[in-house]
C-alpha atoms as a PDB file:
ATOM      1  CA  MET A   1      -0.161  -0.162   0.148  1.00  0.00           C
ATOM      2  CA  SER A   2       2.780   2.173   1.102  1.00  0.00           C
ATOM      3  CA  LYS A   3       4.705   1.808  -2.389  1.00  0.00           C
ATOM      4  CA  PHE A   4       1.621   2.607  -4.194  1.00  0.00           C
ATOM      5  CA  ILE A   5       1.042   5.733  -2.539  1.00  0.00           C
ATOM      6  CA  LEU A   6       4.160   6.769  -3.073  1.00  0.00           C
ATOM      7  CA  HIS A   7       4.449   6.011  -6.688  1.00  0.00           C
ATOM      8  CA  TRP A   8       1.068   7.657  -6.927  1.00  0.00           C
ATOM      9  CA  GLY A   9       2.039  10.772  -5.761  1.00  0.00           C
ATOM     10  CA  GLU A  10       5.176  10.623  -7.757  1.00  0.00           C
ATOM     11  CA  MET A  11       3.246  10.221 -10.784  1.00  0.00           C
ATOM     12  CA  GLY A  12       0.742  13.103  -9.833  1.00  0.00           C
ATOM     13  CA  TRP A  13       3.450  15.195  -9.314  1.00  0.00           C
ATOM     14  CA  ARG A  14       4.946  14.732 -12.852  1.00  0.00           C
ATOM     15  CA  TRP A  15       1.465  15.703 -14.298  1.00  0.00           C
ATOM     16  CA  GLY A  16       1.365  18.450 -12.634  1.00  0.00           C
ATOM     17  CA  ILE A  17      -0.815  17.277  -9.386  1.00  0.00           C
ATOM     18  CA  ASN A  18       0.460  18.543  -6.023  1.00  0.00           C
ATOM     19  CA  ARG A  19       2.164  15.078  -4.380  1.00  0.00           C
ATOM     20  CA  SER A  20       0.265  15.137  -1.156  1.00  0.00           C
ATOM     21  CA  VAL A  21      -3.250  15.655  -2.921  1.00  0.00           C
ATOM     22  CA  ALA A  22      -1.998  12.480  -5.303  1.00  0.00           C
ATOM     23  CA  GLN A  23      -1.086  10.601  -2.114  1.00  0.00           C
ATOM     24  CA  VAL A  24      -4.604  11.432  -0.787  1.00  0.00           C
ATOM     25  CA  HIS A  25      -6.436  10.046  -3.886  1.00  0.00           C
ATOM     26  CA  ALA A  26      -4.060   6.701  -3.830  1.00  0.00           C
ATOM     27  CA  LEU A  27      -5.177   6.279  -0.186  1.00  0.00           C
ATOM     28  CA  LEU A  28      -8.599   6.674  -0.695  1.00  0.00           C
ATOM     29  CA  MET A  29      -8.523   4.319  -3.788  1.00  0.00           C
ATOM     30  CA  LEU A  30      -6.956   1.801  -1.478  1.00  0.00           C
ATOM     31  CA  SER A  31      -9.525   2.334   1.636  1.00  0.00           C
ATOM     32  CA  PRO A  32     -11.842  -0.610   1.887  1.00  0.00           C
ATOM     33  CA  LYS A  33     -14.517   2.218   3.489  1.00  0.00           C
ATOM     34  CA  PRO A  34     -14.406   5.943   3.648  1.00  0.00           C
ATOM     35  CA  LEU A  35     -12.093   7.673   5.923  1.00  0.00           C
ATOM     36  CA  PRO A  36     -12.159  10.734   7.805  1.00  0.00           C
ATOM     37  CA  ALA A  37      -9.682  13.624   7.661  1.00  0.00           C
ATOM     38  CA  GLU A  38      -7.829  13.009  10.714  1.00  0.00           C
ATOM     39  CA  GLU A  39      -7.610   9.006   9.655  1.00  0.00           C
ATOM     40  CA  ILE A  40      -5.988  10.365   6.142  1.00  0.00           C
ATOM     41  CA  GLY A  41      -3.279  12.442   7.771  1.00  0.00           C
ATOM     42  CA  GLU A  42      -2.236   9.992  10.529  1.00  0.00           C
ATOM     43  CA  SER A  43      -2.127   7.292   7.495  1.00  0.00           C
ATOM     44  CA  LEU A  44       0.346   9.836   5.244  1.00  0.00           C
ATOM     45  CA  ASP A  45       1.892  11.829   8.427  1.00  0.00           C
ATOM     46  CA  VAL A  46       0.909  14.989   6.777  1.00  0.00           C
ATOM     47  CA  ALA A  47      -0.512  18.118   8.034  1.00  0.00           C
ATOM     48  CA  ARG A  48      -4.349  18.298   8.897  1.00  0.00           C
ATOM     49  CA  SER A  49      -4.412  21.191   6.654  1.00  0.00           C
ATOM     50  CA  ASN A  50      -2.881  19.436   4.529  1.00  0.00           C
ATOM     51  CA  VAL A  51      -5.393  16.748   4.058  1.00  0.00           C
ATOM     52  CA  SER A  52      -7.981  19.449   4.023  1.00  0.00           C
ATOM     53  CA  THR A  53      -6.455  21.277   1.257  1.00  0.00           C
ATOM     54  CA  SER A  54      -6.016  18.100  -0.774  1.00  0.00           C
ATOM     55  CA  LEU A  55      -9.537  16.654  -0.354  1.00  0.00           C
ATOM     56  CA  LYS A  56     -10.888  20.159  -1.258  1.00  0.00           C
ATOM     57  CA  GLU A  57      -8.676  19.759  -4.548  1.00  0.00           C
ATOM     58  CA  LEU A  58      -9.843  16.050  -5.241  1.00  0.00           C
ATOM     59  CA  GLN A  59     -13.829  17.175  -4.636  1.00  0.00           C
ATOM     60  CA  GLY A  60     -13.216  20.214  -7.149  1.00  0.00           C
ATOM     61  CA  TRP A  61     -12.336  17.502  -9.542  1.00  0.00           C
ATOM     62  CA  GLY A  62     -14.955  15.510  -8.898  1.00  0.00           C
ATOM     63  CA  LEU A  63     -12.830  12.462  -7.655  1.00  0.00           C
ATOM     64  CA  VAL A  64     -13.406  12.397  -3.779  1.00  0.00           C
ATOM     65  CA  ARG A  65     -17.271  12.579  -2.141  1.00  0.00           C
ATOM     66  CA  VAL A  66     -17.802  13.280   1.325  1.00  0.00           C
ATOM     67  CA  VAL A  67     -20.173  10.375   3.056  1.00  0.00           C
ATOM     68  CA  HIS A  68     -21.514  10.177   6.288  1.00  0.00           C
ATOM     69  CA  VAL A  69     -21.020   6.950   8.642  1.00  0.00           C
ATOM     70  CA  PHE A  70     -23.957   6.399  10.923  1.00  0.00           C
ATOM     71  CA  GLY A  71     -22.992   7.578  14.813  1.00  0.00           C
ATOM     72  CA  ASP A  72     -20.045   9.242  13.507  1.00  0.00           C
ATOM     73  CA  ARG A  73     -20.441  12.845  12.755  1.00  0.00           C
ATOM     74  CA  ARG A  74     -17.539  13.601  11.197  1.00  0.00           C
ATOM     75  CA  GLU A  75     -17.011  13.753   7.681  1.00  0.00           C
ATOM     76  CA  HIS A  76     -15.633  10.688   5.976  1.00  0.00           C
ATOM     77  CA  PHE A  77     -14.325  10.410   2.150  1.00  0.00           C
ATOM     78  CA  GLU A  78     -14.485   8.005  -0.714  1.00  0.00           C
ATOM     79  CA  THR A  79     -13.024   8.261  -4.303  1.00  0.00           C
ATOM     80  CA  LEU A  80     -14.585   6.598  -7.470  1.00  0.00           C
ATOM     81  CA  ARG A  81     -14.316   3.135  -7.232  1.00  0.00           C
ATOM     82  CA  ASP A  82     -14.686   2.723 -10.870  1.00  0.00           C
ATOM     83  CA  VAL A  83     -11.452   3.036 -12.438  1.00  0.00           C
ATOM     84  CA  TRP A  84     -12.963   3.456 -16.059  1.00  0.00           C
ATOM     85  CA  GLU A  85     -15.764   6.099 -14.477  1.00  0.00           C
ATOM     86  CA  MET A  86     -12.138   7.790 -12.718  1.00  0.00           C
ATOM     87  CA  PHE A  87     -10.247   8.091 -15.686  1.00  0.00           C
ATOM     88  CA  SER A  88     -13.465   9.769 -17.888  1.00  0.00           C
ATOM     89  CA  VAL A  89     -14.160  12.356 -14.916  1.00  0.00           C
ATOM     90  CA  ILE A  90     -10.112  12.805 -15.025  1.00  0.00           C
ATOM     91  CA  MET A  91     -10.237  13.243 -18.802  1.00  0.00           C
ATOM     92  CA  ARG A  92     -13.336  16.042 -18.482  1.00  0.00           C
ATOM     93  CA  GLU A  93     -11.454  17.754 -16.016  1.00  0.00           C
ATOM     94  CA  ARG A  94      -8.210  18.038 -18.061  1.00  0.00           C
ATOM     95  CA  LYS A  95     -10.532  18.769 -20.865  1.00  0.00           C
ATOM     96  CA  LYS A  96     -11.509  21.747 -19.143  1.00  0.00           C
ATOM     97  CA  ARG A  97      -8.164  23.111 -17.386  1.00  0.00           C
ATOM     98  CA  GLU A  98      -5.853  22.238 -20.482  1.00  0.00           C
ATOM     99  CA  LEU A  99      -7.167  21.699 -23.660  1.00  0.00           C
ATOM    100  CA  ASP A 100      -9.925  24.256 -24.108  1.00  0.00           C
ATOM    101  CA  PRO A 101      -7.478  27.043 -22.605  1.00  0.00           C
ATOM    102  CA  THR A 102      -4.947  26.031 -25.164  1.00  0.00           C
ATOM    103  CA  LEU A 103      -6.962  25.900 -27.834  1.00  0.00           C
ATOM    104  CA  ALA A 104      -8.642  29.256 -27.079  1.00  0.00           C
ATOM    105  CA  THR A 105      -5.237  30.843 -27.161  1.00  0.00           C
ATOM    106  CA  LEU A 106      -3.910  29.321 -30.104  1.00  0.00           C
ATOM    107  CA  ARG A 107      -6.771  30.491 -32.049  1.00  0.00           C
ATOM    108  CA  ASP A 108      -6.038  34.071 -30.650  1.00  0.00           C
ATOM    109  CA  CYS A 109      -2.154  33.697 -31.642  1.00  0.00           C
ATOM    110  CA  ALA A 110      -2.967  32.649 -34.781  1.00  0.00           C
ATOM    111  CA  ALA A 111      -5.493  35.346 -35.530  1.00  0.00           C
ATOM    112  CA  GLU A 112      -2.922  37.782 -34.048  1.00  0.00           C
ATOM    113  CA  ALA A 113      -0.082  36.215 -36.287  1.00  0.00           C
ATOM    114  CA  LYS A 114      -1.638  37.537 -39.690  1.00  0.00           C
ATOM    115  CA  GLY A 115      -0.649  41.209 -38.825  1.00  0.00           C
ATOM    116  CA  GLY A 116       3.497  40.308 -38.190  1.00  0.00           C
ATOM    117  CA  LYS A 117       5.820  41.438 -40.504  1.00  0.00           C
ATOM    118  CA  VAL A 118       8.055  38.140 -40.389  1.00  0.00           C
ATOM    119  CA  ASP A 119       7.139  34.142 -41.332  1.00  0.00           C
ATOM    120  CA  THR A 120       3.815  35.157 -41.241  1.00  0.00           C
ATOM    121  CA  ASP A 121       2.536  32.199 -43.114  1.00  0.00           C
ATOM    122  CA  TYR A 122       4.181  29.856 -41.407  1.00  0.00           C
ATOM    123  CA  THR A 123       3.702  30.937 -37.780  1.00  0.00           C
ATOM    124  CA  VAL A 124       0.331  31.206 -38.912  1.00  0.00           C
ATOM    125  CA  ALA A 125       0.129  27.524 -40.549  1.00  0.00           C
ATOM    126  CA  ARG A 126       1.603  25.954 -37.543  1.00  0.00           C
ATOM    127  CA  LEU A 127      -0.530  27.303 -35.164  1.00  0.00           C
ATOM    128  CA  ARG A 128      -3.544  26.108 -36.731  1.00  0.00           C
ATOM    129  CA  GLU A 129      -2.153  22.759 -37.232  1.00  0.00           C
ATOM    130  CA  LEU A 130      -1.782  22.885 -33.448  1.00  0.00           C
ATOM    131  CA  ALA A 131      -5.407  24.324 -33.067  1.00  0.00           C
ATOM    132  CA  ASP A 132      -6.443  21.647 -35.544  1.00  0.00           C
ATOM    133  CA  PHE A 133      -4.898  18.702 -33.095  1.00  0.00           C
ATOM    134  CA  VAL A 134      -6.254  19.995 -29.850  1.00  0.00           C
ATOM    135  CA  GLU A 135      -9.625  20.427 -31.457  1.00  0.00           C
ATOM    136  CA  LEU A 136      -9.705  16.710 -32.446  1.00  0.00           C
ATOM    137  CA  ALA A 137      -8.126  15.899 -29.062  1.00  0.00           C
ATOM    138  CA  GLY A 138     -10.759  17.821 -27.322  1.00  0.00           C
ATOM    139  CA  SER A 139     -13.537  16.234 -29.452  1.00  0.00           C
ATOM    140  CA  TRP A 140     -12.274  12.786 -28.478  1.00  0.00           C
ATOM    141  CA  ALA A 141     -12.394  13.805 -25.144  1.00  0.00           C
ATOM    142  CA  GLN A 142     -15.688  15.476 -25.530  1.00  0.00           C
ATOM    143  CA  ARG A 143     -17.387  12.181 -26.430  1.00  0.00           C
ATOM    144  CA  ALA A 144     -15.239   9.642 -24.638  1.00  0.00           C
ATOM    145  CA  GLN A 145     -17.659  11.892 -21.610  1.00  0.00           C
ATOM    146  CA  GLY A 146     -20.633  10.920 -23.159  1.00  0.00           C
ATOM    147  CA  LEU A 147     -19.767   6.878 -22.301  1.00  0.00           C
ATOM    148  CA  SER A 148     -20.488   5.185 -19.327  1.00  0.00           C
ATOM    149  CA  PRO A 149     -17.334   3.735 -17.464  1.00  0.00           C
ATOM    150  CA  ALA A 150     -18.491   0.026 -19.432  1.00  0.00           C
ATOM    151  CA  ALA A 151     -18.998   1.431 -22.861  1.00  0.00           C
ATOM    152  CA  THR A 152     -15.361   3.579 -22.131  1.00  0.00           C
ATOM    153  CA  LYS A 153     -13.343   0.465 -21.429  1.00  0.00           C
ATOM    154  CA  ARG A 154     -15.152  -1.186 -24.783  1.00  0.00           C
ATOM    155  CA  LEU A 155     -13.678   1.659 -26.313  1.00  0.00           C
ATOM    156  CA  PHE A 156     -10.345   0.974 -25.270  1.00  0.00           C
ATOM    157  CA  GLU A 157     -10.632  -2.700 -25.775  1.00  0.00           C
ATOM    158  CA  LEU A 158     -11.495  -2.446 -29.124  1.00  0.00           C
ATOM    159  CA  GLY A 159      -9.092   0.360 -29.461  1.00  0.00           C
ATOM    160  CA  ASP A 160      -6.385  -2.200 -28.576  1.00  0.00           C
ATOM    161  CA  LYS A 161      -7.445  -4.940 -31.206  1.00  0.00           C
ATOM    162  CA  VAL A 162      -7.074  -1.966 -33.685  1.00  0.00           C
ATOM    163  CA  PHE A 163      -3.763  -1.274 -33.091  1.00  0.00           C
ATOM    164  CA  ARG A 164      -2.797  -5.198 -32.870  1.00  0.00           C
ATOM    165  CA  LEU A 165      -4.635  -5.039 -36.361  1.00  0.00           C
ATOM    166  CA  VAL A 166      -2.903  -1.935 -37.985  1.00  0.00           C
ATOM    167  CA  GLY A 167       0.798  -2.996 -36.652  1.00  0.00           C
END
């Protein structure tokens, strides 16, 4: 469990996610029951404030939700159990936070580059090529968001067969 939590934190950091946020997510993924913030902090040996900030971030992504446990007034937290649903949520959030703003910036830059004096045609062509790529990736992500977790899994399995077919 510790090895996975450390690794998930490291991978999160490489993907631009705070290490503690990713570690809290990893702990909740492996926990068979919802956990209160105090127990999360003790398990990871991190400050309560860090746990609170991490939980808010994960809730903002839609990856963690508050649950109430009978007989306990504290809030408990759990993450999505279905990895395919989790993948869809992460893809939706990354599209919203990364692809959409990048596409808007690329389009703005291409429009502004038209008025440039040096290598304008080349610059505009490259920016439009990048915008087309990001737009297509965003379109795929948008369509995938409408799929159920089971359909997302089937799409990946079908894609794996296509890759093997085309070599």
